[in-house]
Protein backbone atom coordinates (compact mmCIF):
# COMPACT_ATOMS: atom_id res chain seq x y z
CA MET A 1 0.00 0.00 0.00
CA LYS A 2 2.84 2.35 0.91
CA ARG A 3 4.52 1.58 -2.39
CA LEU A 4 1.28 2.38 -4.30
CA PHE A 5 0.98 5.67 -2.42
CA ILE A 6 4.53 6.62 -3.38
CA ILE A 7 3.90 5.75 -7.02
CA MET A 8 0.71 7.82 -7.07
CA SER A 9 2.45 10.77 -5.41
CA ILE A 10 5.29 10.69 -7.92
CA SER A 11 2.78 10.46 -10.80
CA SER A 12 0.87 13.46 -9.47
CA LEU A 13 4.07 15.47 -9.21
CA ILE A 14 4.99 14.55 -12.78
CA ILE A 15 1.54 15.52 -14.07
CA ALA A 16 1.65 18.82 -12.12
CA GLY A 17 5.12 19.52 -13.48
CA VAL A 18 4.11 18.79 -17.05
CA TYR A 19 1.04 21.01 -16.71
CA SER A 20 3.13 23.79 -15.15
CA ILE A 21 5.48 23.64 -18.14
CA TYR A 22 2.45 23.71 -20.49
CA GLU A 23 1.03 26.74 -18.66
CA TYR A 24 4.38 28.49 -18.68
CA THR A 25 4.94 27.95 -22.42
CA SER A 26 1.32 28.42 -23.64
CA TYR A 27 -0.03 31.21 -21.43
CA THR A 28 2.58 33.88 -22.01
CA LEU A 29 0.69 37.16 -22.28
CA LYS A 30 0.35 39.37 -19.21
CA HIS A 31 -3.20 40.46 -18.40
CA SER A 32 -2.49 44.15 -19.01
CA GLU A 33 -3.81 46.74 -21.45
CA ARG A 34 -0.30 47.50 -22.73
CA GLU A 35 0.55 43.87 -23.59
CA ILE A 36 -2.88 43.19 -25.12
CA THR A 37 -2.60 46.33 -27.28
CA SER A 38 0.91 45.33 -28.40
CA LEU A 39 -0.25 41.81 -29.34
CA ILE A 40 -3.16 43.17 -31.41
CA GLN A 41 -0.88 45.62 -33.20
CA GLU A 42 1.67 42.87 -33.94
CA GLN A 43 -0.88 40.26 -35.07
CA LEU A 44 -2.69 42.69 -37.40
CA GLU A 45 0.58 44.15 -38.71
CA LEU A 46 -0.64 47.68 -38.05
CA ALA A 47 2.89 49.16 -38.12
CA GLU A 48 2.76 52.50 -36.29
CA ASP A 49 -1.05 52.69 -36.23
CA GLU A 50 -1.74 51.58 -32.65
CA PRO A 51 -5.23 50.10 -32.05
CA LEU A 52 -7.51 51.83 -29.56
CA LEU A 53 -8.41 49.39 -26.79
CA LEU A 54 -12.07 49.88 -25.85
CA GLU A 55 -12.81 47.29 -23.18
CA VAL A 56 -11.23 44.25 -21.48
CA PHE A 57 -13.34 41.89 -19.37
CA GLN A 58 -13.64 38.27 -18.25
CA ILE A 59 -16.86 36.34 -18.80
CA ASP A 60 -18.21 35.03 -15.49
CA ASP A 61 -17.85 31.28 -14.80
CA THR A 62 -15.37 30.87 -17.67
CA ASN A 63 -11.70 31.33 -18.38
CA LYS A 64 -12.55 33.57 -21.37
CA VAL A 65 -11.15 37.11 -21.47
CA VAL A 66 -12.45 39.44 -24.19
CA ALA A 67 -10.85 42.62 -25.50
CA THR A 68 -12.61 44.93 -27.95
CA PHE A 69 -10.71 47.52 -29.96
CA GLU A 70 -10.93 50.00 -32.82
CA TYR A 71 -8.38 49.76 -35.62
CA ASN A 72 -7.79 51.46 -38.97
CA GLN A 73 -9.44 54.51 -37.33
CA ASN A 74 -13.05 53.32 -37.55
CA GLU A 75 -13.21 49.50 -37.73
CA LEU A 76 -14.37 47.37 -34.80
CA GLY A 77 -12.50 44.24 -33.78
CA ALA A 78 -12.33 41.86 -30.84
CA VAL A 79 -9.98 39.20 -29.52
CA ILE A 80 -10.78 36.28 -27.22
CA PHE A 81 -8.18 34.83 -24.84
CA GLN A 82 -8.05 31.88 -22.47
CA LYS A 83 -6.84 32.72 -18.97
CA GLY A 84 -4.50 30.27 -17.25
CA ILE A 85 -4.35 29.34 -13.57
CA TYR A 86 -1.45 31.75 -13.04
CA GLY A 87 -3.36 34.70 -14.53
CA LYS A 88 -1.61 34.91 -17.90
CA LEU A 89 -3.43 34.76 -21.25
CA LYS A 90 -3.35 32.63 -24.39
CA LEU A 91 -4.73 33.86 -27.73
CA GLU A 92 -7.82 31.95 -28.86
CA LYS A 93 -9.55 33.90 -31.64
CA PHE A 94 -9.65 37.23 -33.49
CA LEU A 95 -12.97 38.74 -34.68
CA LEU A 96 -12.38 41.15 -37.55
CA ASP A 97 -13.89 42.93 -40.59
CA HIS A 98 -17.51 43.14 -39.43
CA PRO A 99 -19.63 45.66 -37.48
CA PHE A 100 -21.29 42.86 -35.44
CA TYR A 101 -20.01 39.62 -33.86
CA SER A 102 -21.68 36.83 -31.91
CA GLU A 103 -20.10 33.89 -30.08
CA ILE A 104 -21.78 30.98 -28.25
CA ILE A 105 -19.90 30.22 -25.04
CA LYS A 106 -20.41 27.23 -22.75
CA THR A 107 -19.92 28.04 -19.07
CA LYS A 108 -19.79 25.75 -16.04
CA SER A 109 -23.52 26.08 -15.45
CA ASN A 110 -25.20 27.31 -18.64
CA THR A 111 -24.83 28.61 -22.19
CA ARG A 112 -24.22 32.27 -22.88
CA VAL A 113 -23.99 34.34 -26.00
CA LEU A 114 -21.49 37.16 -26.41
CA PHE A 115 -22.52 40.00 -28.71
CA ILE A 116 -20.10 42.73 -29.78
CA GLY A 117 -21.14 45.42 -32.22
CA GLU A 118 -21.17 48.92 -33.60
CA ASN A 119 -24.27 51.04 -33.12
CA LEU A 120 -24.54 52.35 -36.68
CA HIS A 121 -24.97 56.15 -36.61
CA SER A 122 -25.63 55.70 -32.86
CA SER A 123 -29.32 55.29 -33.72
CA VAL A 124 -29.88 51.51 -33.51
CA LYS A 125 -32.44 50.51 -30.87
CA THR A 126 -32.67 46.73 -31.31
CA ILE A 127 -30.76 44.03 -33.20
CA GLU A 128 -32.40 40.81 -34.32
CA THR A 129 -29.26 38.69 -34.12
CA ASP A 130 -27.88 35.69 -36.01
CA ILE A 131 -28.35 33.51 -32.90
CA GLU A 132 -31.46 31.35 -32.59
CA SER A 133 -32.87 30.07 -29.30
CA GLN A 134 -35.86 27.73 -29.07
CA GLY A 135 -36.81 28.43 -32.68
CA GLU A 136 -36.66 32.25 -32.50
CA ARG A 137 -33.92 34.72 -33.30
CA VAL A 138 -32.50 36.37 -30.20
CA LYS A 139 -33.13 40.13 -29.95
CA ILE A 140 -30.95 42.48 -27.93
CA ALA A 141 -31.48 46.10 -26.89
CA VAL A 142 -28.62 48.38 -27.95
CA PRO A 143 -27.45 51.34 -25.85
CA PRO A 144 -27.14 54.75 -27.57
CA GLN A 145 -23.35 54.67 -27.92
CA LYS A 146 -20.90 53.93 -30.72
CA TYR A 147 -19.78 50.45 -29.61
CA PHE A 148 -21.39 47.93 -27.27
CA THR A 149 -21.00 44.46 -25.75
CA HIS A 150 -23.80 42.30 -24.43
CA ILE A 151 -23.78 38.89 -22.73
CA GLY A 152 -27.01 36.94 -22.35
CA LYS A 153 -28.03 33.52 -21.07
CA VAL A 154 -29.82 31.38 -23.66
CA GLU A 155 -31.13 27.86 -24.12
CA ASP A 156 -30.52 25.65 -27.17
CA ALA A 157 -28.48 28.40 -28.80
CA LYS A 158 -27.32 27.97 -32.38
CA LYS A 159 -25.95 30.33 -35.01
CA VAL A 160 -28.05 30.72 -38.16
CA ASN A 161 -26.89 31.82 -41.60
CA ILE A 162 -28.84 35.09 -41.57
CA GLU A 163 -27.45 38.61 -41.41
CA PRO A 164 -28.42 40.55 -38.26
CA THR A 165 -31.36 42.94 -38.69
CA TYR A 166 -30.82 46.45 -37.34
CA ILE A 167 -33.95 48.15 -35.97
CA TYR A 168 -33.61 51.89 -35.43
CA ARG A 169 -34.83 54.42 -32.86
CA SER A 170 -36.21 56.78 -35.53
CA LEU A 171 -37.24 56.76 -39.17
CA ASN A 172 -34.35 59.10 -40.02
CA GLY A 173 -31.99 56.64 -38.36
CA ALA A 174 -33.44 53.75 -40.37
CA LEU A 175 -32.99 55.74 -43.59
CA SER A 176 -29.36 56.54 -42.75
CA GLY A 177 -28.70 52.86 -42.06
CA THR A 178 -30.29 51.36 -45.17
CA GLY A 179 -26.89 50.67 -46.70
CA HIS A 180 -28.09 51.47 -50.21
CA GLY A 181 -25.03 53.56 -50.98
CA GLU A 182 -25.28 56.47 -53.36
CA GLU A 183 -28.90 55.88 -54.35
CA LEU A 184 -30.31 57.63 -51.26
CA GLU A 185 -27.26 59.70 -50.36
CA GLY A 186 -27.99 63.31 -49.51
CA MET A 187 -31.78 62.84 -49.52
CA GLU A 188 -33.94 64.30 -46.74
CA LEU A 189 -37.20 63.18 -45.21
CA MET A 190 -40.10 65.35 -46.38
CA PHE A 191 -43.40 63.51 -45.80
CA VAL A 192 -44.27 60.82 -43.26
CA ASP A 193 -47.65 59.06 -43.36
CA GLU A 194 -47.77 57.45 -39.91
CA SER A 195 -51.19 55.85 -40.48
CA ASN A 196 -49.96 53.90 -43.49
CA GLN A 197 -46.27 53.82 -42.49
CA SER A 198 -45.00 55.38 -45.70
CA PHE A 199 -42.58 58.22 -46.41
CA LEU A 200 -41.24 60.41 -49.18
CA ILE A 201 -37.66 61.68 -49.26
CA TYR A 202 -36.23 64.26 -51.64
CA SER A 203 -33.17 66.18 -52.78
CA GLU A 204 -32.71 69.06 -55.18
CA LYS A 205 -29.42 69.51 -57.01
CA ASP A 206 -28.50 71.38 -60.18
CA SER A 207 -32.19 72.32 -60.69
CA VAL A 208 -33.29 68.67 -60.59
CA LEU A 209 -35.76 67.50 -57.94
CA LYS A 210 -35.36 63.84 -56.96
CA THR A 211 -38.02 62.05 -54.91
CA VAL A 212 -38.32 58.50 -53.56
CA LEU A 213 -41.48 56.98 -52.08
CA GLY A 214 -41.03 54.18 -49.55
CA GLY A 215 -42.57 52.23 -46.71
CA TYR A 216 -41.43 51.37 -43.19
CA ARG A 217 -42.40 49.15 -40.26
CA GLN A 218 -42.64 50.46 -36.73
CA ASN A 219 -43.24 48.44 -33.57
CA GLU A 220 -41.94 48.35 -30.01
CA ASP A 221 -38.51 47.26 -31.30
CA GLY A 222 -38.13 50.38 -33.49
CA PHE A 223 -38.13 51.31 -37.20
CA VAL A 224 -37.18 49.21 -40.24
CA ILE A 225 -37.32 50.29 -43.88
CA ALA A 226 -39.73 47.92 -45.64
CA GLY A 227 -38.82 48.99 -49.16
CA TYR A 228 -38.83 51.90 -51.56
CA GLU A 229 -39.56 52.62 -55.20
CA GLU A 230 -37.28 53.82 -57.97
CA PRO A 231 -36.49 57.58 -57.82
CA ASP A 232 -38.51 60.10 -59.82
CA TYR A 233 -36.92 63.24 -61.27
CA TYR A 234 -38.40 66.66 -62.07
CA SER A 235 -36.72 69.53 -63.90
CA MET A 236 -36.83 72.74 -61.87
CA THR A 237 -35.12 75.01 -64.40
CA GLU A 238 -38.20 77.23 -64.79
CA GLU A 239 -41.16 78.36 -62.71
CA LYS A 240 -43.25 75.24 -62.15
CA ALA A 241 -46.98 75.30 -62.77
CA PHE A 242 -49.30 72.97 -60.89
CA CYS A 243 -48.54 69.33 -61.74
CA PHE A 244 -48.83 65.92 -60.14
CA GLU A 245 -48.28 62.23 -60.79
CA GLU A 246 -49.47 58.97 -59.31
CA LYS A 247 -46.97 56.95 -57.26
CA LYS A 248 -47.23 53.45 -55.86
CA VAL A 249 -45.19 51.72 -53.19
CA LYS A 250 -45.27 48.07 -52.15
CA ALA A 251 -45.10 47.74 -48.39
CA HIS A 252 -46.76 45.60 -45.72
CA LEU A 253 -47.76 43.04 -48.39
CA THR A 254 -50.04 45.63 -50.04
CA GLU A 255 -49.63 48.28 -52.70
CA GLN A 256 -50.35 51.84 -51.61
CA THR A 257 -51.22 54.70 -53.94
CA TYR A 258 -50.25 58.36 -53.55
CA LEU A 259 -50.41 61.53 -55.59
CA HIS A 260 -47.25 63.61 -55.42
CA GLY A 261 -47.36 67.08 -56.90
CA LEU A 262 -45.92 70.57 -57.13
CA VAL A 263 -47.74 73.87 -56.62
CA PRO A 264 -46.54 77.30 -57.83
CA LYS A 265 -44.20 78.99 -55.36
CA GLY A 266 -45.94 82.37 -55.34
CA GLU A 267 -49.32 81.25 -53.99
CA GLN A 268 -48.33 80.25 -50.42
CA VAL A 269 -50.41 77.08 -50.61
CA GLN A 270 -50.35 75.08 -47.35
CA LYS A 271 -53.00 72.43 -48.02
CA VAL A 272 -54.36 70.65 -51.09
CA VAL A 273 -57.75 68.93 -51.06
CA LEU A 274 -58.49 66.51 -53.88
CA GLU A 275 -62.18 66.19 -54.66
CA VAL A 276 -63.19 63.39 -57.04
CA GLU A 277 -66.52 63.85 -58.82
CA ARG A 278 -68.52 61.57 -61.04
CA LYS A 279 -71.58 63.01 -62.77
CA GLU A 280 -71.38 66.14 -60.58
CA GLU A 281 -71.51 64.06 -57.41
CA VAL A 282 -68.58 64.15 -54.98
CA ILE A 283 -67.61 60.55 -54.37
CA TYR A 284 -64.33 60.98 -52.44
CA GLN A 285 -62.15 63.63 -50.86
CA PHE A 286 -58.46 63.27 -50.02
CA SER A 287 -56.10 65.90 -48.60
CA GLY A 288 -52.45 66.55 -47.90
CA ASN A 289 -50.28 69.32 -46.52
CA VAL A 290 -47.79 71.28 -48.61
CA ILE A 291 -44.09 71.38 -47.72
CA ALA A 292 -41.60 73.32 -49.88
CA ASN A 293 -44.29 73.61 -52.58
CA GLN A 294 -44.78 69.86 -52.74
CA PHE A 295 -47.73 67.79 -51.60
CA LEU A 296 -48.30 64.07 -51.02
CA ILE A 297 -51.85 62.73 -50.82
CA TYR A 298 -52.67 59.16 -49.79
CA ILE A 299 -55.40 57.65 -51.98
CA SER A 300 -57.25 55.11 -49.87
CA HIS A 301 -59.47 54.09 -52.83
CA PRO A 302 -57.18 54.16 -55.88
CA GLU A 303 -59.89 52.77 -58.13
CA VAL A 304 -61.54 56.22 -58.23
CA LEU A 305 -58.54 57.60 -60.09
CA GLU A 306 -59.09 55.33 -63.07
CA THR A 307 -59.56 57.32 -66.23
CA GLU A 308 -63.20 57.78 -67.13
CA ASP A 309 -64.85 60.55 -69.12
CA SER A 310 -67.27 61.11 -66.27
CA VAL A 311 -64.59 61.46 -63.54
CA ILE A 312 -63.30 64.94 -62.65
CA LYS A 313 -60.50 65.70 -60.20
CA LYS A 314 -60.65 69.07 -58.46
CA PHE A 315 -57.62 70.24 -56.48
CA HIS A 316 -58.59 72.95 -54.00
CA PHE A 317 -55.77 75.11 -52.61
CA TYR A 318 -55.83 76.62 -49.10
CA ASP A 319 -53.40 78.89 -47.23
CA LYS A 320 -52.00 78.42 -43.71
CA ASP A 321 -55.09 80.02 -42.16
CA GLY A 322 -57.44 77.70 -44.02
CA ASN A 323 -58.55 80.33 -46.51
CA TYR A 324 -59.49 79.09 -49.95
CA ILE A 325 -57.14 80.27 -52.73
CA ARG A 326 -58.29 78.62 -55.97
CA THR A 327 -59.06 75.32 -57.70
CA GLU A 328 -57.28 73.32 -60.39
CA MET A 329 -59.41 70.88 -62.40
CA LYS A 330 -58.20 67.70 -64.09
CA SER A 331 -60.44 65.23 -65.88
């Protein structure tokens, strides 16, 4: 028995020694901001461009240490380390080249998900992530700051091959985050139809007016752009007389109809009321306010605009005090 005890003691010492050598040779990085920053700079070959370390933290109930950083002036990255029993770190994984990262991490008692991301334009409210739990995509609330980290407990977590969906605090934020490049660049929000969740944006450059009609979704999570139509262009090189055209946008699984038009600048028109008559009987009235000499009217019954000899469209103009100015008639 004594001999067995000696053998077991010697074996334990050998195992402890081997593990100590493994720890000493594998976990070599000091847990300090300076050494972590130096390692990131060396690994990414950033030369003299030192990365900006944002946050360093250890995930509870694990040996995982996470560092987030900004590099190349405006790109978000992260690095995950393993922490050894003597407090030093070993590199496990770099997360690079994306504005959002997610990692599933097994702890001693449960499963957690680590989310690291950039709050695009600082206007994102919610992210529908690429992690699924119990058949539904995990949503996280995003603080109003440039970069964020979030750790949540989940059950049956798995990563799905779907890009994260960004849901914004405002419609303007959703428009700025559409990612449609030059197509909507420089355009401003002009009309918002909250009842039908539609909008019209515009820009005017070199005497050309550009407008885009679109739709959005709003719920407790925030705003998402549901789609938009191809741009329309109007020449503004001369004084514009009254004109309008029909626009349609597909949103919310339905097609919505609007009239967008221009009114002469000198008449101070603030409201346009469309009156549709058939055989001298008013069958519908629609109205819209005027902004920058433009109006947008939602047509809840687009069938009444169908061309018929007996249908007459009367556009009544009113000023800011509600006083009648004049009427334009279109058959």
